[in-house]
Amino acid sequence: MQLTLYQVDAFTDKLFGGNPAAVIPLEKWLDVGLMQKIAMENNLSETVFFVPSLVNDTDFEIRWFTPLAEINLCGHATLASAYVLFEILNFNKSEIRFSSHSGVLKVKKENALIIMDFPSWKPERLDIYPDNLRNILSGAEIVGVYRYRDILVELENEDAVKACTPDLTLMKMSIDKMIITAPGKPRPNDPTGPVDFVSRFFAPAVGVDEDPVTGSAHSQLIPFWSEKLGKNKMRALQLSKRGGELWCEQLNAERVTMAGNCVYYMKAVITV
């Protein structure tokens, strides 16, 4: 069996930036074990599959796999899937509706940006920190610790987020996924405008030591920073080596949007 694979860099306007995703359109679902093996072979943070939907009022069903596990939500691979549908496969509606394990995800295109409507996952403050958290973060000063799906750790400033070197071996023993975040520092010469918050994301337990740009983390970061900063529209940077940029909005208590660019890297045929 031959399958077409598209590789797209998401949340960037520069090739070799953002987060690369492998996008594999299907006519019908493959065996879950085979999809997991394909994701392991691709060895990207996410391989995404979608099929024409059998669910009312949706266009496609979508699933996401890291090299080690299926996950319930992935932003950058959803962005990349929408890019493939809009720009390569000539999907002819103004909005794509994906049916997923996290509900219906609506995606539309406005000029160069692809805008995703995602669930809002507001993290709640933890009074008791996870085991070894201070050791995992190598002594970084912690402002607060929160959780929805993932552990979210607020650090004192952007430089602390950038400099942090988590002990990933120790992290695997007690925390499966972790976001670190802080307010953005002033950028007086940035023509795009201020950066409201920055982040990094680590998930070594599912085969992703550091994810370059993480949409699902922003389902948690957007409500967190919207409340903290008192604003609904924000610009965010993920400070991985590849880097990524997102335009974020808190729509209401239930939904957020995050928008970004994509760059097409390659098309390939795989044989399984």
C-alpha atoms as a PDB file:
ATOM      1  CA  MET A   1       0.000   0.000   0.000  1.00  0.00           C
ATOM      2  CA  GLN A   2       1.282   3.448  -0.898  1.00  0.00           C
ATOM      3  CA  LEU A   3       0.372   6.608   1.023  1.00  0.00           C
ATOM      4  CA  THR A   4       1.075  10.240   0.211  1.00  0.00           C
ATOM      5  CA  LEU A   5       2.881  12.199   2.918  1.00  0.00           C
ATOM      6  CA  TYR A   6       3.218  15.991   3.029  1.00  0.00           C
ATOM      7  CA  GLN A   7       5.696  17.644   5.389  1.00  0.00           C
ATOM      8  CA  VAL A   8       4.825  21.186   6.429  1.00  0.00           C
ATOM      9  CA  ASP A   9       6.526  23.629   8.811  1.00  0.00           C
ATOM     10  CA  ALA A  10       3.766  25.123  10.979  1.00  0.00           C
ATOM     11  CA  PHE A  11       3.592  28.408  12.931  1.00  0.00           C
ATOM     12  CA  THR A  12       6.320  30.018  10.836  1.00  0.00           C
ATOM     13  CA  ASP A  13       6.778  31.947   7.609  1.00  0.00           C
ATOM     14  CA  LYS A  14      10.334  30.648   7.130  1.00  0.00           C
ATOM     15  CA  LEU A  15      11.427  27.238   5.879  1.00  0.00           C
ATOM     16  CA  PHE A  16      13.215  25.236   8.590  1.00  0.00           C
ATOM     17  CA  GLY A  17      11.397  27.232  11.281  1.00  0.00           C
ATOM     18  CA  GLY A  18       8.304  26.441  13.316  1.00  0.00           C
ATOM     19  CA  ASN A  19       7.229  22.854  13.929  1.00  0.00           C
ATOM     20  CA  PRO A  20       7.400  20.255  11.145  1.00  0.00           C
ATOM     21  CA  ALA A  21       4.423  17.903  10.844  1.00  0.00           C
ATOM     22  CA  ALA A  22       3.900  14.878   8.624  1.00  0.00           C
ATOM     23  CA  VAL A  23       0.403  15.026   7.109  1.00  0.00           C
ATOM     24  CA  ILE A  24      -1.092  11.832   5.650  1.00  0.00           C
ATOM     25  CA  PRO A  25      -4.563  12.047   4.042  1.00  0.00           C
ATOM     26  CA  LEU A  26      -6.460   8.736   4.050  1.00  0.00           C
ATOM     27  CA  GLU A  27      -9.627   7.417   2.464  1.00  0.00           C
ATOM     28  CA  LYS A  28     -10.332   5.247   5.517  1.00  0.00           C
ATOM     29  CA  TRP A  29      -8.636   4.625   8.836  1.00  0.00           C
ATOM     30  CA  LEU A  30      -5.640   2.346   9.015  1.00  0.00           C
ATOM     31  CA  ASP A  31      -4.999  -0.003  11.912  1.00  0.00           C
ATOM     32  CA  VAL A  32      -3.974   2.069  14.944  1.00  0.00           C
ATOM     33  CA  GLY A  33      -0.808   0.037  15.363  1.00  0.00           C
ATOM     34  CA  LEU A  34       0.228   0.787  11.785  1.00  0.00           C
ATOM     35  CA  MET A  35      -0.410   4.516  12.215  1.00  0.00           C
ATOM     36  CA  GLN A  36       1.749   4.442  15.337  1.00  0.00           C
ATOM     37  CA  LYS A  37       4.564   2.656  13.474  1.00  0.00           C
ATOM     38  CA  ILE A  38       4.420   5.245  10.678  1.00  0.00           C
ATOM     39  CA  ALA A  39       4.677   8.026  13.256  1.00  0.00           C
ATOM     40  CA  MET A  40       7.628   6.294  14.891  1.00  0.00           C
ATOM     41  CA  GLU A  41       9.325   5.903  11.500  1.00  0.00           C
ATOM     42  CA  ASN A  42       8.737   9.583  10.628  1.00  0.00           C
ATOM     43  CA  ASN A  43      10.280  10.562  13.991  1.00  0.00           C
ATOM     44  CA  LEU A  44       8.702  14.029  14.007  1.00  0.00           C
ATOM     45  CA  SER A  45       6.910  15.399  17.035  1.00  0.00           C
ATOM     46  CA  GLU A  46       3.601  14.679  15.262  1.00  0.00           C
ATOM     47  CA  THR A  47       2.273  12.652  12.361  1.00  0.00           C
ATOM     48  CA  VAL A  48      -1.345  13.500  11.593  1.00  0.00           C
ATOM     49  CA  PHE A  49      -3.904  11.432   9.692  1.00  0.00           C
ATOM     50  CA  PHE A  50      -7.333  12.498   8.492  1.00  0.00           C
ATOM     51  CA  VAL A  51     -10.196  10.767   6.683  1.00  0.00           C
ATOM     52  CA  PRO A  52     -13.486  12.022   5.190  1.00  0.00           C
ATOM     53  CA  SER A  53     -15.901  12.355   8.085  1.00  0.00           C
ATOM     54  CA  LEU A  54     -18.875  10.121   8.835  1.00  0.00           C
ATOM     55  CA  VAL A  55     -19.888  12.506  11.626  1.00  0.00           C
ATOM     56  CA  ASN A  56     -22.681  14.999  10.930  1.00  0.00           C
ATOM     57  CA  ASP A  57     -21.652  18.595  10.177  1.00  0.00           C
ATOM     58  CA  THR A  58     -17.936  17.855   9.976  1.00  0.00           C
ATOM     59  CA  ASP A  59     -15.650  17.447   6.970  1.00  0.00           C
ATOM     60  CA  PHE A  60     -12.860  15.201   8.267  1.00  0.00           C
ATOM     61  CA  GLU A  61     -11.960  13.056  11.242  1.00  0.00           C
ATOM     62  CA  ILE A  62      -8.431  13.743  12.495  1.00  0.00           C
ATOM     63  CA  ARG A  63      -5.947  11.882  14.742  1.00  0.00           C
ATOM     64  CA  TRP A  64      -2.427  12.760  15.923  1.00  0.00           C
ATOM     65  CA  PHE A  65       0.510  10.511  16.853  1.00  0.00           C
ATOM     66  CA  THR A  66       3.864  11.265  18.438  1.00  0.00           C
ATOM     67  CA  PRO A  67       6.629   8.686  17.853  1.00  0.00           C
ATOM     68  CA  LEU A  68       5.432   6.871  20.986  1.00  0.00           C
ATOM     69  CA  ALA A  69       1.720   7.557  21.517  1.00  0.00           C
ATOM     70  CA  GLU A  70      -1.553   8.919  20.178  1.00  0.00           C
ATOM     71  CA  ILE A  71      -2.543  12.239  21.795  1.00  0.00           C
ATOM     72  CA  ASN A  72      -5.905  13.962  22.170  1.00  0.00           C
ATOM     73  CA  LEU A  73      -5.061  17.357  20.616  1.00  0.00           C
ATOM     74  CA  CYS A  74      -2.299  18.841  18.477  1.00  0.00           C
ATOM     75  CA  GLY A  75      -2.316  22.379  17.138  1.00  0.00           C
ATOM     76  CA  HIS A  76       0.624  22.529  14.746  1.00  0.00           C
ATOM     77  CA  ALA A  77      -0.344  19.315  12.932  1.00  0.00           C
ATOM     78  CA  THR A  78      -3.940  20.541  12.631  1.00  0.00           C
ATOM     79  CA  LEU A  79      -2.613  23.800  11.175  1.00  0.00           C
ATOM     80  CA  ALA A  80      -0.458  21.800   8.744  1.00  0.00           C
ATOM     81  CA  SER A  81      -3.433  19.599   7.770  1.00  0.00           C
ATOM     82  CA  ALA A  82      -5.546  22.653   7.023  1.00  0.00           C
ATOM     83  CA  TYR A  83      -2.703  24.088   4.934  1.00  0.00           C
ATOM     84  CA  VAL A  84      -2.509  20.869   2.886  1.00  0.00           C
ATOM     85  CA  LEU A  85      -6.272  20.873   2.353  1.00  0.00           C
ATOM     86  CA  PHE A  86      -6.537  24.561   1.433  1.00  0.00           C
ATOM     87  CA  GLU A  87      -3.330  25.006  -0.565  1.00  0.00           C
ATOM     88  CA  ILE A  88      -2.556  21.594  -2.091  1.00  0.00           C
ATOM     89  CA  LEU A  89      -5.730  19.493  -2.194  1.00  0.00           C
ATOM     90  CA  ASN A  90      -7.976  22.451  -3.160  1.00  0.00           C
ATOM     91  CA  PHE A  91     -10.600  22.014  -0.431  1.00  0.00           C
ATOM     92  CA  ASN A  92     -13.340  24.324  -1.665  1.00  0.00           C
ATOM     93  CA  LYS A  93     -15.091  25.480   1.502  1.00  0.00           C
ATOM     94  CA  SER A  94     -14.131  28.587   3.484  1.00  0.00           C
ATOM     95  CA  GLU A  95     -13.961  26.581   6.727  1.00  0.00           C
ATOM     96  CA  ILE A  96     -12.793  23.077   7.572  1.00  0.00           C
ATOM     97  CA  ARG A  97     -14.509  21.254  10.422  1.00  0.00           C
ATOM     98  CA  PHE A  98     -12.420  18.452  11.945  1.00  0.00           C
ATOM     99  CA  SER A  99     -13.987  15.850  14.237  1.00  0.00           C
ATOM    100  CA  SER A 100     -11.453  14.886  16.918  1.00  0.00           C
ATOM    101  CA  HIS A 101     -11.000  13.360  20.372  1.00  0.00           C
ATOM    102  CA  SER A 102     -11.177  16.960  21.657  1.00  0.00           C
ATOM    103  CA  GLY A 103     -14.448  17.778  19.896  1.00  0.00           C
ATOM    104  CA  VAL A 104     -15.058  19.739  16.709  1.00  0.00           C
ATOM    105  CA  LEU A 105     -12.151  21.934  15.581  1.00  0.00           C
ATOM    106  CA  LYS A 106     -12.976  24.681  13.070  1.00  0.00           C
ATOM    107  CA  VAL A 107     -10.236  26.096  10.862  1.00  0.00           C
ATOM    108  CA  LYS A 108     -10.402  28.944   8.342  1.00  0.00           C
ATOM    109  CA  LYS A 109      -7.955  30.907   6.225  1.00  0.00           C
ATOM    110  CA  GLU A 110      -7.647  34.695   6.254  1.00  0.00           C
ATOM    111  CA  ASN A 111      -4.985  36.036   3.883  1.00  0.00           C
ATOM    112  CA  ALA A 112      -1.734  34.253   4.792  1.00  0.00           C
ATOM    113  CA  LEU A 113      -2.896  33.160   8.252  1.00  0.00           C
ATOM    114  CA  ILE A 114      -4.708  29.945   9.119  1.00  0.00           C
ATOM    115  CA  ILE A 115      -6.939  30.422  12.164  1.00  0.00           C
ATOM    116  CA  MET A 116      -7.931  27.516  14.406  1.00  0.00           C
ATOM    117  CA  ASP A 117     -10.850  27.486  16.847  1.00  0.00           C
ATOM    118  CA  PHE A 118      -9.768  25.289  19.778  1.00  0.00           C
ATOM    119  CA  PRO A 119     -11.039  24.456  23.268  1.00  0.00           C
ATOM    120  CA  SER A 120     -10.062  26.768  26.114  1.00  0.00           C
ATOM    121  CA  TRP A 121      -8.357  24.774  28.863  1.00  0.00           C
ATOM    122  CA  LYS A 122      -7.821  27.134  31.788  1.00  0.00           C
ATOM    123  CA  PRO A 123      -5.219  25.643  34.151  1.00  0.00           C
ATOM    124  CA  GLU A 124      -5.802  25.771  37.891  1.00  0.00           C
ATOM    125  CA  ARG A 125      -3.124  26.639  40.444  1.00  0.00           C
ATOM    126  CA  LEU A 126      -1.559  23.757  42.363  1.00  0.00           C
ATOM    127  CA  ASP A 127      -0.809  24.206  46.054  1.00  0.00           C
ATOM    128  CA  ILE A 128       1.450  21.138  46.088  1.00  0.00           C
ATOM    129  CA  TYR A 129       4.107  20.939  43.374  1.00  0.00           C
ATOM    130  CA  PRO A 130       4.790  17.696  41.506  1.00  0.00           C
ATOM    131  CA  ASP A 131       7.629  15.559  42.841  1.00  0.00           C
ATOM    132  CA  ASN A 132      11.116  16.804  41.963  1.00  0.00           C
ATOM    133  CA  LEU A 133       9.814  19.816  40.012  1.00  0.00           C
ATOM    134  CA  ARG A 134      12.463  22.176  41.400  1.00  0.00           C
ATOM    135  CA  ASN A 135      15.184  19.654  40.575  1.00  0.00           C
ATOM    136  CA  ILE A 136      13.758  19.094  37.088  1.00  0.00           C
ATOM    137  CA  LEU A 137      13.938  22.833  36.418  1.00  0.00           C
ATOM    138  CA  SER A 138      17.544  23.024  37.610  1.00  0.00           C
ATOM    139  CA  GLY A 139      16.897  25.697  40.212  1.00  0.00           C
ATOM    140  CA  ALA A 140      14.909  28.137  38.033  1.00  0.00           C
ATOM    141  CA  GLU A 141      12.816  30.503  40.163  1.00  0.00           C
ATOM    142  CA  ILE A 142       9.183  29.366  40.064  1.00  0.00           C
ATOM    143  CA  VAL A 143       6.421  31.993  40.217  1.00  0.00           C
ATOM    144  CA  GLY A 144       3.527  29.511  40.189  1.00  0.00           C
ATOM    145  CA  VAL A 145       2.505  26.012  39.087  1.00  0.00           C
ATOM    146  CA  TYR A 146      -0.790  25.211  37.352  1.00  0.00           C
ATOM    147  CA  ARG A 147      -2.430  22.302  35.561  1.00  0.00           C
ATOM    148  CA  TYR A 148      -5.123  21.442  33.062  1.00  0.00           C
ATOM    149  CA  ARG A 149      -3.899  18.667  30.753  1.00  0.00           C
ATOM    150  CA  ASP A 150      -0.251  19.558  31.282  1.00  0.00           C
ATOM    151  CA  ILE A 151       1.817  21.000  34.105  1.00  0.00           C
ATOM    152  CA  LEU A 152       2.243  24.747  33.444  1.00  0.00           C
ATOM    153  CA  VAL A 153       5.068  26.494  35.278  1.00  0.00           C
ATOM    154  CA  GLU A 154       5.318  30.280  35.311  1.00  0.00           C
ATOM    155  CA  LEU A 155       8.890  31.553  35.571  1.00  0.00           C
ATOM    156  CA  GLU A 156      10.003  35.056  36.458  1.00  0.00           C
ATOM    157  CA  ASN A 157      10.798  36.379  32.975  1.00  0.00           C
ATOM    158  CA  GLU A 158      11.483  35.563  29.328  1.00  0.00           C
ATOM    159  CA  ASP A 159      15.221  35.152  29.875  1.00  0.00           C
ATOM    160  CA  ALA A 160      14.540  32.480  32.512  1.00  0.00           C
ATOM    161  CA  VAL A 161      12.355  30.549  30.063  1.00  0.00           C
ATOM    162  CA  LYS A 162      15.004  30.752  27.361  1.00  0.00           C
ATOM    163  CA  ALA A 163      17.846  29.707  29.680  1.00  0.00           C
ATOM    164  CA  CYS A 164      16.016  26.856  31.418  1.00  0.00           C
ATOM    165  CA  THR A 165      17.539  23.381  30.917  1.00  0.00           C
ATOM    166  CA  PRO A 166      15.095  20.840  32.378  1.00  0.00           C
ATOM    167  CA  ASP A 167      16.387  17.448  33.472  1.00  0.00           C
ATOM    168  CA  LEU A 168      14.362  15.364  31.000  1.00  0.00           C
ATOM    169  CA  THR A 169      15.451  12.026  32.461  1.00  0.00           C
ATOM    170  CA  LEU A 170      14.155  13.080  35.871  1.00  0.00           C
ATOM    171  CA  MET A 171      11.030  14.564  34.293  1.00  0.00           C
ATOM    172  CA  LYS A 172      10.068  11.185  32.749  1.00  0.00           C
ATOM    173  CA  MET A 173       9.707   9.741  36.239  1.00  0.00           C
ATOM    174  CA  SER A 174       6.944  12.094  37.405  1.00  0.00           C
ATOM    175  CA  ILE A 175       5.698  14.523  34.711  1.00  0.00           C
ATOM    176  CA  ASP A 176       4.600  13.484  31.237  1.00  0.00           C
ATOM    177  CA  LYS A 177       4.175  16.967  29.696  1.00  0.00           C
ATOM    178  CA  MET A 178       5.290  20.411  30.914  1.00  0.00           C
ATOM    179  CA  ILE A 179       4.923  24.006  29.733  1.00  0.00           C
ATOM    180  CA  ILE A 180       7.197  26.757  31.031  1.00  0.00           C
ATOM    181  CA  THR A 181       6.116  30.334  30.406  1.00  0.00           C
ATOM    182  CA  ALA A 182       6.668  33.994  31.286  1.00  0.00           C
ATOM    183  CA  PRO A 183       5.636  37.453  30.050  1.00  0.00           C
ATOM    184  CA  GLY A 184       7.337  38.655  26.875  1.00  0.00           C
ATOM    185  CA  LYS A 185      10.037  41.282  27.273  1.00  0.00           C
ATOM    186  CA  PRO A 186       9.930  44.626  25.375  1.00  0.00           C
ATOM    187  CA  ARG A 187      10.969  44.549  21.706  1.00  0.00           C
ATOM    188  CA  PRO A 188      11.091  48.212  20.652  1.00  0.00           C
ATOM    189  CA  ASN A 189      12.507  47.395  17.199  1.00  0.00           C
ATOM    190  CA  ASP A 190      10.112  44.581  16.336  1.00  0.00           C
ATOM    191  CA  PRO A 191       7.896  45.754  13.433  1.00  0.00           C
ATOM    192  CA  THR A 192       5.286  43.104  14.262  1.00  0.00           C
ATOM    193  CA  GLY A 193       4.622  44.637  17.669  1.00  0.00           C
ATOM    194  CA  PRO A 194       4.958  43.501  21.287  1.00  0.00           C
ATOM    195  CA  VAL A 195       5.107  39.904  22.457  1.00  0.00           C
ATOM    196  CA  ASP A 196       2.640  39.256  25.270  1.00  0.00           C
ATOM    197  CA  PHE A 197       3.979  35.906  26.470  1.00  0.00           C
ATOM    198  CA  VAL A 198       6.571  33.251  25.668  1.00  0.00           C
ATOM    199  CA  SER A 199       6.744  29.543  26.342  1.00  0.00           C
ATOM    200  CA  ARG A 200       8.524  26.236  25.821  1.00  0.00           C
ATOM    201  CA  PHE A 201       7.059  22.717  25.914  1.00  0.00           C
ATOM    202  CA  PHE A 202       8.591  19.383  26.951  1.00  0.00           C
ATOM    203  CA  ALA A 203       7.096  15.879  26.637  1.00  0.00           C
ATOM    204  CA  PRO A 204       9.889  13.282  26.845  1.00  0.00           C
ATOM    205  CA  ALA A 205       7.520  10.592  28.120  1.00  0.00           C
ATOM    206  CA  VAL A 206       5.757  10.530  24.720  1.00  0.00           C
ATOM    207  CA  GLY A 207       8.929  10.794  22.661  1.00  0.00           C
ATOM    208  CA  VAL A 208       9.178  14.589  22.302  1.00  0.00           C
ATOM    209  CA  ASP A 209      12.011  16.023  24.400  1.00  0.00           C
ATOM    210  CA  GLU A 210      11.220  19.614  23.390  1.00  0.00           C
ATOM    211  CA  ASP A 211       8.453  20.428  20.938  1.00  0.00           C
ATOM    212  CA  PRO A 212       9.311  23.328  18.589  1.00  0.00           C
ATOM    213  CA  VAL A 213       5.813  24.917  18.642  1.00  0.00           C
ATOM    214  CA  THR A 214       2.807  23.500  20.484  1.00  0.00           C
ATOM    215  CA  GLY A 215      -0.754  24.523  19.643  1.00  0.00           C
ATOM    216  CA  SER A 216      -2.369  22.351  22.317  1.00  0.00           C
ATOM    217  CA  ALA A 217      -0.232  24.035  24.978  1.00  0.00           C
ATOM    218  CA  HIS A 218      -1.725  27.353  23.857  1.00  0.00           C
ATOM    219  CA  SER A 219      -5.201  26.022  24.636  1.00  0.00           C
ATOM    220  CA  GLN A 220      -3.920  26.337  28.205  1.00  0.00           C
ATOM    221  CA  LEU A 221      -1.629  29.355  27.800  1.00  0.00           C
ATOM    222  CA  ILE A 222      -4.221  31.622  26.164  1.00  0.00           C
ATOM    223  CA  PRO A 223      -6.768  31.547  29.023  1.00  0.00           C
ATOM    224  CA  PHE A 224      -3.942  31.709  31.565  1.00  0.00           C
ATOM    225  CA  TRP A 225      -2.373  34.853  30.078  1.00  0.00           C
ATOM    226  CA  SER A 226      -5.666  36.420  29.013  1.00  0.00           C
ATOM    227  CA  GLU A 227      -6.748  36.517  32.650  1.00  0.00           C
ATOM    228  CA  LYS A 228      -3.320  37.512  33.952  1.00  0.00           C
ATOM    229  CA  LEU A 229      -2.768  40.324  31.411  1.00  0.00           C
ATOM    230  CA  GLY A 230      -6.406  41.457  31.204  1.00  0.00           C
ATOM    231  CA  LYS A 231      -6.567  41.231  27.407  1.00  0.00           C
ATOM    232  CA  ASN A 232      -8.169  38.928  24.851  1.00  0.00           C
ATOM    233  CA  LYS A 233      -5.882  39.365  21.817  1.00  0.00           C
ATOM    234  CA  MET A 234      -2.227  38.461  22.239  1.00  0.00           C
ATOM    235  CA  ARG A 235       0.927  37.620  20.305  1.00  0.00           C
ATOM    236  CA  ALA A 236       2.997  34.676  21.540  1.00  0.00           C
ATOM    237  CA  LEU A 237       6.408  33.211  20.803  1.00  0.00           C
ATOM    238  CA  GLN A 238       7.584  29.683  21.532  1.00  0.00           C
ATOM    239  CA  LEU A 239      11.300  29.876  22.299  1.00  0.00           C
ATOM    240  CA  SER A 240      12.537  26.569  20.909  1.00  0.00           C
ATOM    241  CA  LYS A 241      15.605  26.462  18.660  1.00  0.00           C
ATOM    242  CA  ARG A 242      13.365  26.513  15.572  1.00  0.00           C
ATOM    243  CA  GLY A 243      11.024  29.102  17.106  1.00  0.00           C
ATOM    244  CA  GLY A 244       7.374  29.767  16.417  1.00  0.00           C
ATOM    245  CA  GLU A 245       4.882  32.637  16.381  1.00  0.00           C
ATOM    246  CA  LEU A 246       1.165  32.577  17.175  1.00  0.00           C
ATOM    247  CA  TRP A 247      -1.604  35.181  17.189  1.00  0.00           C
ATOM    248  CA  CYS A 248      -3.994  34.261  19.968  1.00  0.00           C
ATOM    249  CA  GLU A 249      -7.458  35.269  21.099  1.00  0.00           C
ATOM    250  CA  GLN A 250      -9.637  34.302  24.054  1.00  0.00           C
ATOM    251  CA  LEU A 251     -13.123  34.144  22.515  1.00  0.00           C
ATOM    252  CA  ASN A 252     -15.058  33.123  25.635  1.00  0.00           C
ATOM    253  CA  ALA A 253     -14.739  30.737  28.565  1.00  0.00           C
ATOM    254  CA  GLU A 254     -15.024  27.734  26.257  1.00  0.00           C
ATOM    255  CA  ARG A 255     -13.063  28.622  23.126  1.00  0.00           C
ATOM    256  CA  VAL A 256      -9.814  30.226  21.961  1.00  0.00           C
ATOM    257  CA  THR A 257      -8.326  30.873  18.557  1.00  0.00           C
ATOM    258  CA  MET A 258      -4.704  30.602  17.513  1.00  0.00           C
ATOM    259  CA  ALA A 259      -3.395  31.586  14.106  1.00  0.00           C
ATOM    260  CA  GLY A 260      -0.161  31.087  12.233  1.00  0.00           C
ATOM    261  CA  ASN A 261       1.590  30.655   8.932  1.00  0.00           C
ATOM    262  CA  CYS A 262       2.812  27.466   7.258  1.00  0.00           C
ATOM    263  CA  VAL A 263       5.619  26.659   4.811  1.00  0.00           C
ATOM    264  CA  TYR A 264       5.454  23.642   2.481  1.00  0.00           C
ATOM    265  CA  TYR A 265       8.607  21.497   2.607  1.00  0.00           C
ATOM    266  CA  MET A 266       8.017  18.251   0.728  1.00  0.00           C
ATOM    267  CA  LYS A 267       5.702  15.635  -0.742  1.00  0.00           C
ATOM    268  CA  ALA A 268       6.648  11.962  -0.539  1.00  0.00           C
ATOM    269  CA  VAL A 269       5.203   8.500  -1.118  1.00  0.00           C
ATOM    270  CA  ILE A 270       5.579   5.895   1.600  1.00  0.00           C
ATOM    271  CA  THR A 271       5.075   2.157   1.114  1.00  0.00           C
ATOM    272  CA  VAL A 272       3.677   0.081   3.979  1.00  0.00           C
END
